[in-house]
Amino acid sequence: RSVAEFMSAPTYTAAPEAGLYSLADFFLTHHQRRLPILVKDRLVGLVSRRDVLRGIQEMIRRGALPLPAELRGPSLYPSAADTSPGVIGTRLDD
């Protein structure tokens, strides 16, 4: 048996110039984990949901993208150290 029997042909592609926001929107609206990047119908790379998230995270760290208000608090998911006065711990912030 050949791989052709099992592969899924890519129906979506992007160009290297595609913006992070448009790629983020693509990944939010389509059930795909990776997207082939083409130049003149030639595969030049592959971008993943994780790549896009890391790109957005890097923009936030550099100050090129403001941090949303809901993420400016102590923690998105509070831990026992955040909410329990009896817990002794050291907070590690970036």
N, C-alpha and C. Protein backbone atom coordinates (compact mmCIF):
# COMPACT_ATOMS: atom_id res chain seq x y z
N ARG A 1 0.84 -1.18 0.00
CA ARG A 1 0.00 0.00 0.00
C ARG A 1 0.88 1.25 0.00
N SER A 2 0.42 2.27 -0.65
CA SER A 2 1.20 3.51 -0.72
C SER A 2 0.60 4.57 0.22
N VAL A 3 1.41 5.56 0.52
CA VAL A 3 0.98 6.64 1.39
C VAL A 3 -0.16 7.44 0.76
N ALA A 4 -0.28 7.42 -0.55
CA ALA A 4 -1.34 8.15 -1.24
C ALA A 4 -2.72 7.71 -0.77
N GLU A 5 -2.83 6.47 -0.31
CA GLU A 5 -4.12 5.97 0.16
C GLU A 5 -4.52 6.59 1.50
N PHE A 6 -3.56 7.11 2.25
CA PHE A 6 -3.83 7.59 3.60
C PHE A 6 -3.68 9.10 3.77
N MET A 7 -2.97 9.73 2.86
CA MET A 7 -2.69 11.15 3.02
C MET A 7 -3.93 11.99 2.75
N SER A 8 -3.92 13.17 3.32
CA SER A 8 -4.96 14.14 3.00
C SER A 8 -4.29 15.26 2.20
N ALA A 9 -4.88 15.57 1.09
CA ALA A 9 -4.31 16.62 0.25
C ALA A 9 -4.57 17.97 0.90
N PRO A 10 -3.57 18.83 0.98
CA PRO A 10 -3.80 20.14 1.59
C PRO A 10 -4.76 20.97 0.74
N THR A 11 -5.80 21.44 1.37
CA THR A 11 -6.76 22.26 0.65
C THR A 11 -6.54 23.74 0.92
N TYR A 12 -5.80 24.05 1.96
CA TYR A 12 -5.50 25.43 2.31
C TYR A 12 -3.99 25.63 2.31
N THR A 13 -3.56 26.79 1.85
CA THR A 13 -2.15 27.15 1.88
C THR A 13 -2.06 28.63 2.21
N ALA A 14 -0.86 29.10 2.50
CA ALA A 14 -0.63 30.52 2.76
C ALA A 14 0.69 30.93 2.12
N ALA A 15 0.85 32.22 1.98
CA ALA A 15 2.09 32.79 1.46
C ALA A 15 2.97 33.21 2.64
N PRO A 16 4.28 33.33 2.44
CA PRO A 16 5.16 33.74 3.52
C PRO A 16 4.82 35.12 4.10
N GLU A 17 4.16 35.96 3.32
CA GLU A 17 3.80 37.31 3.78
C GLU A 17 2.56 37.34 4.66
N ALA A 18 1.89 36.22 4.82
CA ALA A 18 0.65 36.18 5.60
C ALA A 18 0.90 36.71 7.01
N GLY A 19 -0.03 37.50 7.51
CA GLY A 19 0.10 38.07 8.85
C GLY A 19 -0.30 37.09 9.94
N LEU A 20 0.25 37.32 11.13
CA LEU A 20 -0.07 36.45 12.26
C LEU A 20 -1.56 36.45 12.57
N TYR A 21 -2.20 37.62 12.48
CA TYR A 21 -3.63 37.68 12.79
C TYR A 21 -4.46 36.85 11.82
N SER A 22 -4.13 36.92 10.55
CA SER A 22 -4.91 36.14 9.58
C SER A 22 -4.66 34.65 9.77
N LEU A 23 -3.43 34.27 10.13
CA LEU A 23 -3.15 32.86 10.40
C LEU A 23 -3.85 32.41 11.68
N ALA A 24 -3.86 33.27 12.71
CA ALA A 24 -4.57 32.93 13.94
C ALA A 24 -6.05 32.73 13.65
N ASP A 25 -6.63 33.61 12.85
CA ASP A 25 -8.04 33.48 12.47
C ASP A 25 -8.27 32.18 11.71
N PHE A 26 -7.36 31.83 10.81
CA PHE A 26 -7.49 30.57 10.07
C PHE A 26 -7.53 29.39 11.03
N PHE A 27 -6.58 29.34 11.95
CA PHE A 27 -6.51 28.20 12.87
C PHE A 27 -7.71 28.15 13.81
N LEU A 28 -8.29 29.30 14.13
CA LEU A 28 -9.48 29.32 14.98
C LEU A 28 -10.73 28.86 14.25
N THR A 29 -10.76 29.04 12.95
CA THR A 29 -11.98 28.70 12.19
C THR A 29 -11.89 27.39 11.42
N HIS A 30 -10.71 26.82 11.33
CA HIS A 30 -10.54 25.55 10.61
C HIS A 30 -9.90 24.51 11.53
N HIS A 31 -10.22 23.29 11.31
CA HIS A 31 -9.67 22.21 12.15
C HIS A 31 -8.38 21.68 11.53
N GLN A 32 -7.37 22.53 11.52
CA GLN A 32 -6.07 22.15 10.98
C GLN A 32 -5.00 22.51 12.01
N ARG A 33 -3.97 21.74 12.08
CA ARG A 33 -2.87 22.02 13.01
C ARG A 33 -1.70 22.69 12.33
N ARG A 34 -1.59 22.46 11.04
CA ARG A 34 -0.47 23.02 10.28
C ARG A 34 -0.98 23.54 8.95
N LEU A 35 -0.23 24.47 8.40
CA LEU A 35 -0.61 25.07 7.13
C LEU A 35 0.63 25.16 6.24
N PRO A 36 0.57 24.56 5.04
CA PRO A 36 1.71 24.66 4.12
C PRO A 36 1.89 26.10 3.63
N ILE A 37 3.13 26.51 3.51
CA ILE A 37 3.47 27.83 2.99
C ILE A 37 4.07 27.64 1.60
N LEU A 38 3.45 28.29 0.61
CA LEU A 38 3.86 28.12 -0.78
C LEU A 38 4.34 29.42 -1.39
N VAL A 39 5.32 29.30 -2.28
CA VAL A 39 5.76 30.40 -3.14
C VAL A 39 5.74 29.84 -4.55
N LYS A 40 4.92 30.45 -5.41
CA LYS A 40 4.77 29.99 -6.80
C LYS A 40 4.51 28.48 -6.86
N ASP A 41 3.54 28.03 -6.08
CA ASP A 41 3.12 26.62 -6.03
C ASP A 41 4.22 25.67 -5.56
N ARG A 42 5.23 26.20 -4.90
CA ARG A 42 6.31 25.36 -4.37
C ARG A 42 6.31 25.45 -2.85
N LEU A 43 6.34 24.30 -2.19
CA LEU A 43 6.35 24.26 -0.74
C LEU A 43 7.66 24.82 -0.21
N VAL A 44 7.56 25.87 0.63
CA VAL A 44 8.76 26.47 1.20
C VAL A 44 8.77 26.36 2.73
N GLY A 45 7.67 25.92 3.30
CA GLY A 45 7.63 25.79 4.75
C GLY A 45 6.29 25.31 5.24
N LEU A 46 6.21 25.22 6.55
CA LEU A 46 5.01 24.74 7.22
C LEU A 46 4.87 25.57 8.49
N VAL A 47 3.70 26.11 8.75
CA VAL A 47 3.47 26.88 9.97
C VAL A 47 2.41 26.14 10.80
N SER A 48 2.61 26.13 12.10
CA SER A 48 1.68 25.43 12.99
C SER A 48 0.94 26.43 13.87
N ARG A 49 -0.11 25.93 14.54
CA ARG A 49 -0.82 26.78 15.50
C ARG A 49 0.15 27.26 16.58
N ARG A 50 1.02 26.39 17.00
CA ARG A 50 1.99 26.75 18.04
C ARG A 50 2.93 27.86 17.55
N ASP A 51 3.36 27.79 16.29
CA ASP A 51 4.21 28.84 15.73
C ASP A 51 3.52 30.20 15.81
N VAL A 52 2.23 30.22 15.47
CA VAL A 52 1.47 31.47 15.48
C VAL A 52 1.33 31.99 16.91
N LEU A 53 1.03 31.10 17.86
CA LEU A 53 0.92 31.51 19.26
C LEU A 53 2.25 32.06 19.78
N ARG A 54 3.33 31.42 19.42
CA ARG A 54 4.65 31.92 19.84
C ARG A 54 4.95 33.28 19.22
N GLY A 55 4.55 33.47 17.98
CA GLY A 55 4.75 34.76 17.32
C GLY A 55 3.98 35.87 18.02
N ILE A 56 2.73 35.59 18.39
CA ILE A 56 1.92 36.57 19.10
C ILE A 56 2.50 36.83 20.48
N GLN A 57 2.94 35.78 21.16
CA GLN A 57 3.56 35.94 22.48
C GLN A 57 4.81 36.82 22.38
N GLU A 58 5.61 36.62 21.35
CA GLU A 58 6.82 37.43 21.16
C GLU A 58 6.46 38.89 20.91
N MET A 59 5.40 39.14 20.15
CA MET A 59 4.96 40.52 19.91
C MET A 59 4.54 41.18 21.22
N ILE A 60 3.85 40.44 22.08
CA ILE A 60 3.44 40.98 23.39
C ILE A 60 4.67 41.30 24.23
N ARG A 61 5.64 40.40 24.26
CA ARG A 61 6.86 40.61 25.06
C ARG A 61 7.65 41.83 24.60
N ARG A 62 7.67 42.06 23.28
CA ARG A 62 8.40 43.22 22.75
C ARG A 62 7.62 44.51 22.88
N GLY A 63 6.35 44.41 23.27
CA GLY A 63 5.51 45.59 23.39
C GLY A 63 4.88 46.00 22.08
N ALA A 64 5.03 45.19 21.05
CA ALA A 64 4.45 45.50 19.74
C ALA A 64 2.95 45.21 19.72
N LEU A 65 2.48 44.51 20.72
CA LEU A 65 1.07 44.15 20.83
C LEU A 65 0.69 44.31 22.29
N PRO A 66 -0.30 45.16 22.61
CA PRO A 66 -0.65 45.34 24.03
C PRO A 66 -1.23 44.07 24.63
N LEU A 67 -0.90 43.84 25.87
CA LEU A 67 -1.41 42.69 26.60
C LEU A 67 -2.87 42.95 26.95
N PRO A 68 -3.78 42.03 26.61
CA PRO A 68 -5.20 42.22 26.95
C PRO A 68 -5.38 42.39 28.46
N ALA A 69 -6.36 43.20 28.87
CA ALA A 69 -6.60 43.50 30.28
C ALA A 69 -6.78 42.24 31.12
N GLU A 70 -7.47 41.24 30.59
CA GLU A 70 -7.73 40.03 31.37
C GLU A 70 -6.45 39.22 31.65
N LEU A 71 -5.37 39.51 30.92
CA LEU A 71 -4.11 38.81 31.15
C LEU A 71 -3.14 39.62 32.01
N ARG A 72 -3.53 40.83 32.42
CA ARG A 72 -2.63 41.68 33.20
C ARG A 72 -2.68 41.38 34.69
N GLY A 73 -3.60 40.55 35.11
CA GLY A 73 -3.75 40.23 36.53
C GLY A 73 -2.65 39.29 37.01
N PRO A 74 -2.75 38.85 38.27
CA PRO A 74 -1.71 37.99 38.83
C PRO A 74 -1.55 36.67 38.08
N SER A 75 -2.66 36.08 37.66
CA SER A 75 -2.58 34.80 36.96
C SER A 75 -3.89 34.54 36.25
N LEU A 76 -3.80 33.98 35.07
CA LEU A 76 -5.02 33.60 34.35
C LEU A 76 -5.70 32.45 35.06
N TYR A 77 -4.91 31.53 35.60
CA TYR A 77 -5.42 30.39 36.36
C TYR A 77 -4.78 30.43 37.74
N PRO A 78 -5.48 30.97 38.74
CA PRO A 78 -4.88 31.11 40.07
C PRO A 78 -4.48 29.77 40.66
N SER A 79 -3.35 29.77 41.32
CA SER A 79 -2.88 28.58 42.02
C SER A 79 -3.19 28.73 43.50
N ALA A 80 -2.91 27.69 44.28
CA ALA A 80 -3.12 27.76 45.72
C ALA A 80 -2.29 28.88 46.34
N ALA A 81 -1.10 29.12 45.81
CA ALA A 81 -0.24 30.19 46.33
C ALA A 81 -0.86 31.57 46.09
N ASP A 82 -1.67 31.72 45.05
CA ASP A 82 -2.33 32.99 44.76
C ASP A 82 -3.55 33.21 45.65
N THR A 83 -4.25 32.15 46.00
CA THR A 83 -5.56 32.29 46.63
C THR A 83 -5.62 31.86 48.09
N SER A 84 -4.65 31.16 48.58
CA SER A 84 -4.69 30.61 49.93
C SER A 84 -3.65 31.30 50.82
N PRO A 85 -4.08 32.02 51.88
CA PRO A 85 -3.12 32.73 52.70
C PRO A 85 -2.18 31.80 53.47
N GLY A 86 -2.54 30.53 53.64
CA GLY A 86 -1.71 29.60 54.38
C GLY A 86 -0.59 28.99 53.57
N VAL A 87 -0.52 29.28 52.29
CA VAL A 87 0.50 28.69 51.42
C VAL A 87 1.68 29.64 51.33
N ILE A 88 2.86 29.12 51.61
CA ILE A 88 4.08 29.92 51.50
C ILE A 88 4.77 29.52 50.21
N GLY A 89 5.12 30.51 49.42
CA GLY A 89 5.77 30.20 48.15
C GLY A 89 6.41 31.43 47.57
N THR A 90 7.17 31.24 46.55
CA THR A 90 7.81 32.33 45.83
C THR A 90 7.14 32.45 44.48
N ARG A 91 6.77 33.65 44.12
CA ARG A 91 6.12 33.88 42.84
C ARG A 91 7.20 34.19 41.80
N LEU A 92 7.15 33.50 40.69
CA LEU A 92 8.11 33.71 39.61
C LEU A 92 7.39 34.41 38.47
N ASP A 93 7.61 35.69 38.31
CA ASP A 93 7.01 36.46 37.22
C ASP A 93 8.04 36.71 36.15
N ASP A 94 7.56 36.81 34.90
CA ASP A 94 8.45 37.12 33.78
C ASP A 94 8.88 38.57 33.87
